[in-house]
Amino acid sequence: MIIAGLMTGTSADALDVALAEFVHDPSADELGVRLLAGEEMPFDPALRTDILRLLEPVELPLSLVSDVDGRLGRFSAEALAQVCANVGAVPDLVVSHGQTVRHDIAEARVTSTLQLGQPAWIAETLGVPVLSDVRSRDIAAGGQGAPLVGILDAMLLTDADTPTALLNLGGIANVTVIAPDQDPFAFDTGPANALIDVLARRITDGAQSCDVDGELAARGRVDAALLSDLLGEPYYRLPAPKSTGKEHFHAAYLDRYLVDHPRLSEVDAIATVTALTARTIAEAVRPHGVTAVIASGGGTRNPTLMRALRAELGETVTLETTDAALGLPEGSKEAVLMALIGWLSWHGLPSTEPSLTGAARPTIAGRLSPGWRPLRLPAPLERRPRRLRILGGPPHDPHDPPSPDANPT
């Protein structure tokens, strides 16, 4: 079964598209996945600007929400159609995460979440069913609805023999801790690139949406006083499960700290928030005795951040990317996660666990928008495969007959 995973992260810079082929081996209790394509499709500047407007904690017209919902849906449909044409394959199912513009939390409980990117445009353009709104069911069951990546991490490292943290460095940083003889758990540690990106845009007058190659932070020096102030943020001391987003860590939030340091240069400020990311991640994983951190996401392309993180973790903890450790491209991991969630939901299986999100029960994720034909779901499987294996070898031949569990057009 071929599934397309679409992921739009909190950095709001591009749509990640993965075409993934899944092969189920019940005898081995294993699900294999072969990445047929992994592409990053940058947003056009106007769309990105409007998405970023929606991520700021200010009142905005409802018309902007509706407009971005439609534009992002059309962009997603066109981007996926292009990737499919390049590969010569059409997916049996699409999973579109959409752009999170709200993730509301009151007294450590998530009360609502909102993702934009109307899936009907994708279903109409490609003619295949689309799974979307993949967080809400977990939230309704009392979970955080985030981070969802824990199920992928747990299946990839199901046989880990030492405590290991899988880290995603998007706008927000999240970790999944896998250790022998205990249930895996996951949580957001705090900002990864969110505050770094704010300062990168300011320093470059909008020419850069991020600190390219960590060059801006490398020119500055960490200010101990500002770092100490930032580390006073109460979120870092909350117990897991917990989640956060740009509703909390945004430009106005950062400015409340910078106003007390008026003489600080911009490059020193960006060096300091880069150090903040590294410090908060290290302090979040240290109590769990991890011996290895396996990182993915855009932050892995920032050498200054990665050097700071390596120093904070110390010599006893190894730091690798998913490319080197798992054979999974760091930039495609979250899109592959969406595809995995699609495979699980399609087969009637939950993609969350109480230990990962804090929900009262495991839940089946998402809601389906039909394609050009009536939905024909396969008989539900009794249980989730224990292990996910990254497959190499030749890709799927698009002229082969479809998988029996697929819903071809």
Protein backbone atom coordinates (compact mmCIF):
# COMPACT_ATOMS: atom_id res chain seq x y z
CA MET A 1 0.00 0.00 0.00
CA ILE A 2 1.40 3.39 -1.00
CA ILE A 3 0.55 6.31 1.29
CA ALA A 4 1.47 9.96 0.90
CA GLY A 5 2.27 11.81 4.11
CA LEU A 6 2.08 15.61 4.14
CA MET A 7 3.51 17.53 7.06
CA THR A 8 3.53 21.26 7.72
CA GLY A 9 5.49 22.03 10.87
CA THR A 10 5.61 24.91 13.31
CA SER A 11 8.43 26.56 11.34
CA ALA A 12 5.83 27.16 8.59
CA ASP A 13 8.40 27.33 5.81
CA ALA A 14 7.51 24.40 3.57
CA LEU A 15 5.36 21.34 3.01
CA ASP A 16 7.17 18.05 3.56
CA VAL A 17 5.90 15.32 1.24
CA ALA A 18 6.72 11.64 1.60
CA LEU A 19 5.52 8.83 -0.66
CA ALA A 20 5.91 5.66 1.36
CA GLU A 21 5.22 2.05 0.43
CA PHE A 22 4.16 -0.21 3.31
CA VAL A 23 4.60 -3.97 3.36
CA HIS A 24 2.99 -5.89 6.22
CA ASP A 25 4.58 -9.17 7.33
CA PRO A 26 2.28 -10.68 9.98
CA SER A 27 4.54 -13.69 10.48
CA ALA A 28 7.35 -11.40 11.66
CA ASP A 29 4.97 -9.03 13.44
CA GLU A 30 6.58 -6.35 11.31
CA LEU A 31 5.63 -3.49 9.06
CA GLY A 32 8.16 -2.45 6.44
CA VAL A 33 8.27 1.01 4.88
CA ARG A 34 10.14 2.03 1.76
CA LEU A 35 10.51 5.75 1.04
CA LEU A 36 9.70 6.26 -2.63
CA ALA A 37 10.04 10.04 -2.52
CA GLY A 38 10.78 12.69 0.06
CA GLU A 39 10.46 16.30 -1.00
CA GLU A 40 10.37 19.69 0.71
CA MET A 41 8.05 22.03 -1.19
CA PRO A 42 8.63 25.67 -0.09
CA PHE A 43 5.61 27.88 0.40
CA ASP A 44 5.26 30.92 -1.79
CA PRO A 45 6.17 34.07 0.18
CA ALA A 46 2.59 35.38 0.41
CA LEU A 47 1.23 32.12 1.82
CA ARG A 48 4.08 31.82 4.30
CA THR A 49 3.57 35.41 5.46
CA ASP A 50 -0.12 34.81 6.09
CA ILE A 51 0.55 31.55 7.94
CA LEU A 52 3.03 33.34 10.18
CA ARG A 53 0.42 36.04 10.85
CA LEU A 54 -1.93 33.33 12.08
CA LEU A 55 0.72 32.00 14.43
CA GLU A 56 1.05 35.28 16.31
CA PRO A 57 -1.16 35.73 19.42
CA VAL A 58 -3.17 38.66 18.06
CA GLU A 59 -6.74 39.06 16.89
CA LEU A 60 -7.13 38.48 13.16
CA PRO A 61 -10.12 38.40 10.81
CA LEU A 62 -11.85 35.05 10.33
CA SER A 63 -11.58 35.68 6.60
CA LEU A 64 -7.81 35.16 6.85
CA VAL A 65 -8.30 31.77 8.52
CA SER A 66 -10.72 30.68 5.80
CA ASP A 67 -8.50 32.04 3.04
CA VAL A 68 -5.36 30.25 4.28
CA ASP A 69 -7.35 27.04 4.75
CA GLY A 70 -8.27 27.04 1.07
CA ARG A 71 -4.92 28.25 -0.26
CA LEU A 72 -2.95 25.72 1.75
CA GLY A 73 -5.31 22.95 0.64
CA ARG A 74 -4.76 23.85 -3.01
CA PHE A 75 -1.01 24.21 -2.52
CA SER A 76 -0.88 20.77 -0.87
CA ALA A 77 -2.85 19.20 -3.71
CA GLU A 78 -0.64 20.74 -6.38
CA ALA A 79 2.59 19.90 -4.56
CA LEU A 80 1.59 16.27 -4.05
CA ALA A 81 0.44 15.94 -7.67
CA GLN A 82 3.87 17.18 -8.77
CA VAL A 83 5.71 14.67 -6.56
CA CYS A 84 3.49 11.84 -7.79
CA ALA A 85 4.15 12.79 -11.41
CA ASN A 86 7.89 12.84 -10.77
CA VAL A 87 7.81 9.35 -9.24
CA GLY A 88 5.20 7.88 -11.55
CA ALA A 89 2.98 6.56 -8.76
CA VAL A 90 -0.38 7.46 -7.27
CA PRO A 91 -0.96 6.81 -3.55
CA ASP A 92 -3.80 4.69 -2.26
CA LEU A 93 -4.27 7.13 0.63
CA VAL A 94 -3.10 10.62 1.55
CA VAL A 95 -2.57 11.82 5.12
CA SER A 96 -2.46 15.59 5.43
CA HIS A 97 -1.52 17.03 8.80
CA GLY A 98 -2.19 20.63 7.83
CA GLN A 99 -0.76 23.74 9.44
CA THR A 100 -1.35 24.02 13.16
CA VAL A 101 -2.49 27.56 13.91
CA ARG A 102 -3.90 26.92 17.39
CA HIS A 103 -3.07 24.39 20.11
CA ASP A 104 -4.86 25.72 23.15
CA ILE A 105 -3.85 24.63 26.64
CA ALA A 106 -5.51 25.47 29.95
CA GLU A 107 -4.07 24.18 33.22
CA ALA A 108 -1.86 21.65 31.40
CA ARG A 109 -4.84 20.21 29.48
CA VAL A 110 -5.24 20.72 25.74
CA THR A 111 -8.72 22.08 25.10
CA SER A 112 -8.60 22.44 21.32
CA THR A 113 -6.34 22.20 18.30
CA LEU A 114 -6.81 23.62 14.81
CA GLN A 115 -5.00 22.66 11.61
CA LEU A 116 -5.62 24.41 8.30
CA GLY A 117 -5.25 23.06 4.76
CA GLN A 118 -8.62 21.92 3.41
CA PRO A 119 -8.25 18.20 2.53
CA ALA A 120 -11.11 18.25 0.00
CA TRP A 121 -8.81 19.95 -2.51
CA ILE A 122 -6.37 17.02 -2.27
CA ALA A 123 -9.13 14.42 -2.57
CA GLU A 124 -10.59 16.16 -5.60
CA THR A 125 -7.24 16.68 -7.34
CA LEU A 126 -5.84 13.17 -6.87
CA GLY A 127 -9.09 11.25 -6.53
CA VAL A 128 -7.92 9.28 -3.49
CA PRO A 129 -9.15 9.38 0.12
CA VAL A 130 -7.49 11.83 2.49
CA LEU A 131 -7.06 11.41 6.24
CA SER A 132 -6.82 14.68 8.16
CA ASP A 133 -7.39 16.19 11.63
CA VAL A 134 -5.16 13.54 13.21
CA ARG A 135 -4.79 15.15 16.65
CA SER A 136 -8.33 15.86 17.82
CA ARG A 137 -9.40 12.34 18.79
CA ASP A 138 -6.47 11.95 21.18
CA ILE A 139 -7.30 15.32 22.74
CA ALA A 140 -10.93 14.29 23.19
CA ALA A 141 -9.65 11.22 25.05
CA GLY A 142 -7.75 13.47 27.46
CA GLY A 143 -4.40 13.43 25.65
CA GLN A 144 -2.11 16.23 24.59
CA GLY A 145 -2.56 15.44 20.90
CA ALA A 146 1.20 15.91 20.68
CA PRO A 147 3.81 14.86 20.04
CA LEU A 148 2.35 12.21 17.73
CA VAL A 149 5.74 10.97 16.59
CA GLY A 150 6.05 8.68 19.62
CA ILE A 151 4.30 5.80 17.85
CA LEU A 152 6.80 5.90 14.97
CA ASP A 153 9.73 6.14 17.38
CA ALA A 154 8.48 3.27 19.51
CA MET A 155 8.04 1.00 16.49
CA LEU A 156 11.46 1.91 15.07
CA LEU A 157 13.30 1.26 18.34
CA THR A 158 11.15 -1.44 19.85
CA ASP A 159 14.23 -3.51 20.72
CA ALA A 160 16.40 -0.69 22.11
CA ASP A 161 18.73 -2.13 24.76
CA THR A 162 19.75 1.20 26.31
CA PRO A 163 17.70 4.33 27.09
CA THR A 164 17.48 6.38 23.88
CA ALA A 165 15.83 9.70 23.07
CA LEU A 166 14.52 10.43 19.60
CA LEU A 167 14.51 14.19 19.13
CA ASN A 168 12.71 16.35 16.60
CA LEU A 169 14.06 19.86 16.05
CA GLY A 170 11.24 21.72 14.35
CA GLY A 171 9.80 25.01 15.51
CA ILE A 172 9.18 23.20 18.80
CA ALA A 173 11.46 20.43 20.08
CA ASN A 174 9.97 17.13 21.15
CA VAL A 175 11.48 13.89 22.40
CA THR A 176 10.42 10.28 22.70
CA VAL A 177 12.27 8.28 25.34
CA ILE A 178 12.61 4.55 24.65
CA ALA A 179 14.09 2.35 27.35
CA PRO A 180 14.09 -1.40 28.09
CA ASP A 181 11.33 -2.72 30.34
CA GLN A 182 9.24 0.45 30.39
CA ASP A 183 6.58 2.07 28.25
CA PRO A 184 7.88 4.76 25.88
CA PHE A 185 6.86 8.33 26.65
CA ALA A 186 7.04 11.58 24.70
CA PHE A 187 6.72 15.32 25.31
CA ASP A 188 7.58 18.76 23.93
CA THR A 189 10.69 20.16 25.58
CA GLY A 190 10.13 23.77 24.46
CA PRO A 191 11.35 25.87 21.54
CA ALA A 192 13.75 24.43 18.99
CA ASN A 193 13.82 26.87 16.06
CA ALA A 194 10.82 29.01 17.05
CA LEU A 195 12.75 31.81 18.78
CA ILE A 196 15.82 31.40 16.58
CA ASP A 197 13.66 31.99 13.50
CA VAL A 198 12.15 35.15 14.99
CA LEU A 199 15.59 36.70 15.38
CA ALA A 200 16.89 35.42 12.04
CA ARG A 201 14.06 37.24 10.25
CA ARG A 202 14.78 40.42 12.18
CA ILE A 203 18.52 40.39 11.66
CA THR A 204 18.18 39.81 7.91
CA ASP A 205 15.15 42.10 7.43
CA GLY A 206 13.11 39.08 6.36
CA ALA A 207 15.62 37.82 3.80
CA GLN A 208 16.17 34.64 5.83
CA SER A 209 13.40 32.67 7.52
CA CYS A 210 15.92 30.79 9.66
CA ASP A 211 19.56 30.95 10.77
CA VAL A 212 21.08 29.36 7.67
CA ASP A 213 23.96 27.06 8.67
CA GLY A 214 23.87 28.64 12.13
CA GLU A 215 26.04 31.50 10.84
CA LEU A 216 24.22 34.28 12.70
CA ALA A 217 24.47 32.55 16.08
CA ALA A 218 28.11 31.67 15.38
CA ARG A 219 28.89 35.39 15.13
CA GLY A 220 27.48 36.12 18.58
CA ARG A 221 28.23 35.21 22.18
CA VAL A 222 25.84 33.64 24.66
CA ASP A 223 24.66 36.20 27.22
CA ALA A 224 24.53 34.47 30.60
CA ALA A 225 22.03 36.92 32.11
CA LEU A 226 19.52 36.59 29.27
CA LEU A 227 19.92 32.81 29.22
CA SER A 228 19.25 32.67 32.95
CA ASP A 229 16.11 34.76 32.52
CA LEU A 230 14.84 32.57 29.68
CA LEU A 231 15.45 29.40 31.68
CA GLY A 232 13.06 30.70 34.32
CA GLU A 233 10.14 29.81 32.03
CA PRO A 234 7.75 27.60 34.09
CA TYR A 235 6.96 25.29 31.15
CA TYR A 236 10.37 23.62 31.40
CA ARG A 237 9.57 22.34 34.89
CA LEU A 238 6.16 20.83 34.07
CA PRO A 239 6.04 17.03 34.14
CA ALA A 240 5.33 14.98 31.04
CA PRO A 241 3.08 14.45 29.21
CA LYS A 242 3.05 18.05 28.04
CA SER A 243 2.90 19.98 24.78
CA THR A 244 3.34 23.54 23.62
CA GLY A 245 3.57 25.63 20.48
CA LYS A 246 4.00 29.06 18.98
CA GLU A 247 0.96 30.22 20.93
CA HIS A 248 3.47 30.33 23.79
CA PHE A 249 6.93 30.76 22.27
CA HIS A 250 6.52 33.64 19.83
CA ALA A 251 8.01 37.03 19.03
CA ALA A 252 6.14 38.97 21.71
CA TYR A 253 7.13 36.35 24.29
CA LEU A 254 10.81 36.80 23.40
CA ASP A 255 10.53 40.58 23.44
CA ARG A 256 9.36 40.52 27.05
CA TYR A 257 12.81 39.20 27.93
CA LEU A 258 14.84 41.26 25.45
CA VAL A 259 13.45 44.53 26.79
CA ASP A 260 15.44 43.95 29.98
CA HIS A 261 18.66 43.65 27.96
CA PRO A 262 18.59 46.76 25.73
CA ARG A 263 22.32 46.80 24.98
CA LEU A 264 22.47 43.21 23.78
CA SER A 265 23.39 42.86 20.11
CA GLU A 266 21.12 40.91 17.80
CA VAL A 267 23.74 38.24 17.11
CA ASP A 268 24.32 37.78 20.84
CA ALA A 269 20.56 37.38 21.27
CA ILE A 270 20.33 34.69 18.59
CA ALA A 271 23.37 32.93 20.05
CA THR A 272 21.61 32.92 23.41
CA VAL A 273 18.29 31.49 22.21
CA THR A 274 20.26 28.83 20.30
CA ALA A 275 21.95 27.95 23.60
CA LEU A 276 18.52 27.93 25.25
CA THR A 277 17.29 25.26 22.84
CA ALA A 278 20.32 23.07 23.50
CA ARG A 279 20.17 23.53 27.27
CA THR A 280 16.45 22.81 27.65
CA ILE A 281 16.66 19.66 25.52
CA ALA A 282 19.64 18.33 27.48
CA GLU A 283 18.00 19.09 30.81
CA ALA A 284 14.79 17.41 29.64
CA VAL A 285 16.44 14.10 28.70
CA ARG A 286 19.13 13.93 31.40
CA PRO A 287 16.85 12.66 34.21
CA HIS A 288 15.96 9.64 32.08
CA GLY A 289 19.52 8.37 31.78
CA VAL A 290 19.62 8.35 28.00
CA THR A 291 22.84 7.17 26.40
CA ALA A 292 21.96 8.26 22.85
CA VAL A 293 19.99 11.02 21.15
CA ILE A 294 18.84 10.51 17.56
CA ALA A 295 17.79 13.81 16.00
CA SER A 296 15.70 14.84 13.02
CA GLY A 297 14.10 18.02 11.70
CA GLY A 298 15.38 21.30 10.35
CA GLY A 299 17.45 22.07 13.42
CA THR A 300 19.86 19.27 12.52
CA ARG A 301 21.00 21.47 9.59
CA ASN A 302 22.15 24.16 12.04
CA PRO A 303 25.75 23.27 12.96
CA THR A 304 25.87 25.87 15.73
CA LEU A 305 22.81 24.37 17.41
CA MET A 306 24.10 20.82 17.00
CA ARG A 307 27.49 21.74 18.50
CA ALA A 308 25.78 23.39 21.45
CA LEU A 309 23.54 20.37 21.94
CA ARG A 310 26.47 17.97 21.78
CA ALA A 311 28.28 20.00 24.44
CA GLU A 312 25.21 20.15 26.69
CA LEU A 313 24.59 16.40 26.44
CA GLY A 314 28.13 15.60 27.51
CA GLU A 315 30.63 12.98 26.45
CA THR A 316 28.62 10.01 27.71
CA VAL A 317 25.68 10.62 25.34
CA THR A 318 26.01 10.05 21.60
CA LEU A 319 24.26 12.42 19.18
CA GLU A 320 23.34 11.23 15.68
CA THR A 321 20.75 12.03 13.04
CA THR A 322 18.09 9.59 11.87
CA ASP A 323 19.91 9.40 8.53
CA ALA A 324 22.97 7.83 10.14
CA ALA A 325 21.30 5.89 12.94
CA LEU A 326 18.13 4.58 11.27
CA GLY A 327 18.46 5.09 7.53
CA LEU A 328 15.54 7.53 7.62
CA PRO A 329 16.16 11.00 6.11
CA GLU A 330 15.78 13.58 8.87
CA GLY A 331 13.75 15.88 6.65
CA SER A 332 11.21 13.17 5.81
CA LYS A 333 10.62 11.69 9.24
CA GLU A 334 7.46 13.60 10.16
CA ALA A 335 5.94 13.10 6.72
CA VAL A 336 6.65 9.36 7.06
CA LEU A 337 4.96 9.55 10.47
CA MET A 338 1.83 10.90 8.78
CA ALA A 339 1.94 8.01 6.30
CA LEU A 340 2.30 5.52 9.17
CA ILE A 341 -0.67 7.05 10.99
CA GLY A 342 -2.61 6.63 7.76
CA TRP A 343 -1.71 2.95 7.49
CA LEU A 344 -2.75 2.34 11.08
CA SER A 345 -6.07 4.21 10.79
CA TRP A 346 -6.85 2.51 7.48
CA HIS A 347 -6.51 -0.85 9.23
CA GLY A 348 -8.54 0.16 12.28
CA LEU A 349 -5.53 0.49 14.58
CA PRO A 350 -4.72 3.21 17.12
CA SER A 351 -1.73 5.46 16.55
CA THR A 352 -1.54 6.85 20.08
CA GLU A 353 -0.86 5.31 23.46
CA PRO A 354 -1.60 6.70 26.94
CA SER A 355 2.10 6.67 27.87
CA LEU A 356 2.90 8.84 24.83
CA THR A 357 0.21 11.51 24.98
CA GLY A 358 -1.46 11.08 28.36
CA ALA A 359 -4.83 10.06 26.88
CA ALA A 360 -7.15 7.76 28.78
CA ARG A 361 -7.05 5.18 25.98
CA PRO A 362 -5.42 4.49 22.60
CA THR A 363 -7.32 6.12 19.75
CA ILE A 364 -7.67 5.74 16.00
CA ALA A 365 -6.59 9.01 14.41
CA GLY A 366 -8.23 11.30 11.91
CA ARG A 367 -11.25 11.60 9.67
CA LEU A 368 -11.53 10.60 6.03
CA SER A 369 -12.48 12.63 2.97
CA PRO A 370 -13.46 10.17 0.17
CA GLY A 371 -11.83 10.28 -3.23
CA TRP A 372 -13.56 9.71 -6.53
CA ARG A 373 -14.90 6.32 -5.47
CA PRO A 374 -16.75 5.07 -2.40
CA LEU A 375 -14.54 4.19 0.54
CA ARG A 376 -13.83 0.50 0.90
CA LEU A 377 -11.84 -0.11 4.06
CA PRO A 378 -10.18 -3.46 4.68
CA ALA A 379 -11.18 -5.64 7.61
CA PRO A 380 -9.60 -4.21 10.76
CA LEU A 381 -6.46 -5.87 12.04
CA GLU A 382 -6.50 -7.22 15.56
CA ARG A 383 -3.31 -5.51 16.67
CA ARG A 384 -0.58 -3.17 15.55
CA PRO A 385 2.67 -4.64 14.15
CA ARG A 386 5.32 -4.58 16.83
CA ARG A 387 8.18 -3.29 14.70
CA LEU A 388 8.64 -0.82 11.83
CA ARG A 389 11.55 -1.57 9.54
CA ILE A 390 13.04 0.86 7.02
CA LEU A 391 13.27 -0.97 3.70
CA GLY A 392 15.82 -0.42 0.96
CA GLY A 393 15.83 -2.03 -2.44
CA PRO A 394 13.92 -1.20 -5.61
CA PRO A 395 10.82 0.97 -5.39
CA HIS A 396 7.28 -0.07 -6.22
CA ASP A 397 6.46 -0.56 -9.92
CA PRO A 398 3.46 1.67 -10.60
CA HIS A 399 2.25 -0.92 -13.17
CA ASP A 400 1.95 -3.62 -10.50
CA PRO A 401 -1.59 -4.45 -9.34
CA PRO A 402 -2.69 -2.49 -6.25
CA SER A 403 -2.38 -3.89 -2.76
CA PRO A 404 -5.47 -5.87 -1.63
CA ASP A 405 -5.94 -3.52 1.34
CA ALA A 406 -5.84 -0.40 -0.78
CA ASN A 407 -8.72 1.69 -2.13
CA PRO A 408 -7.48 2.34 -5.70
CA THR A 409 -8.97 4.87 -8.05
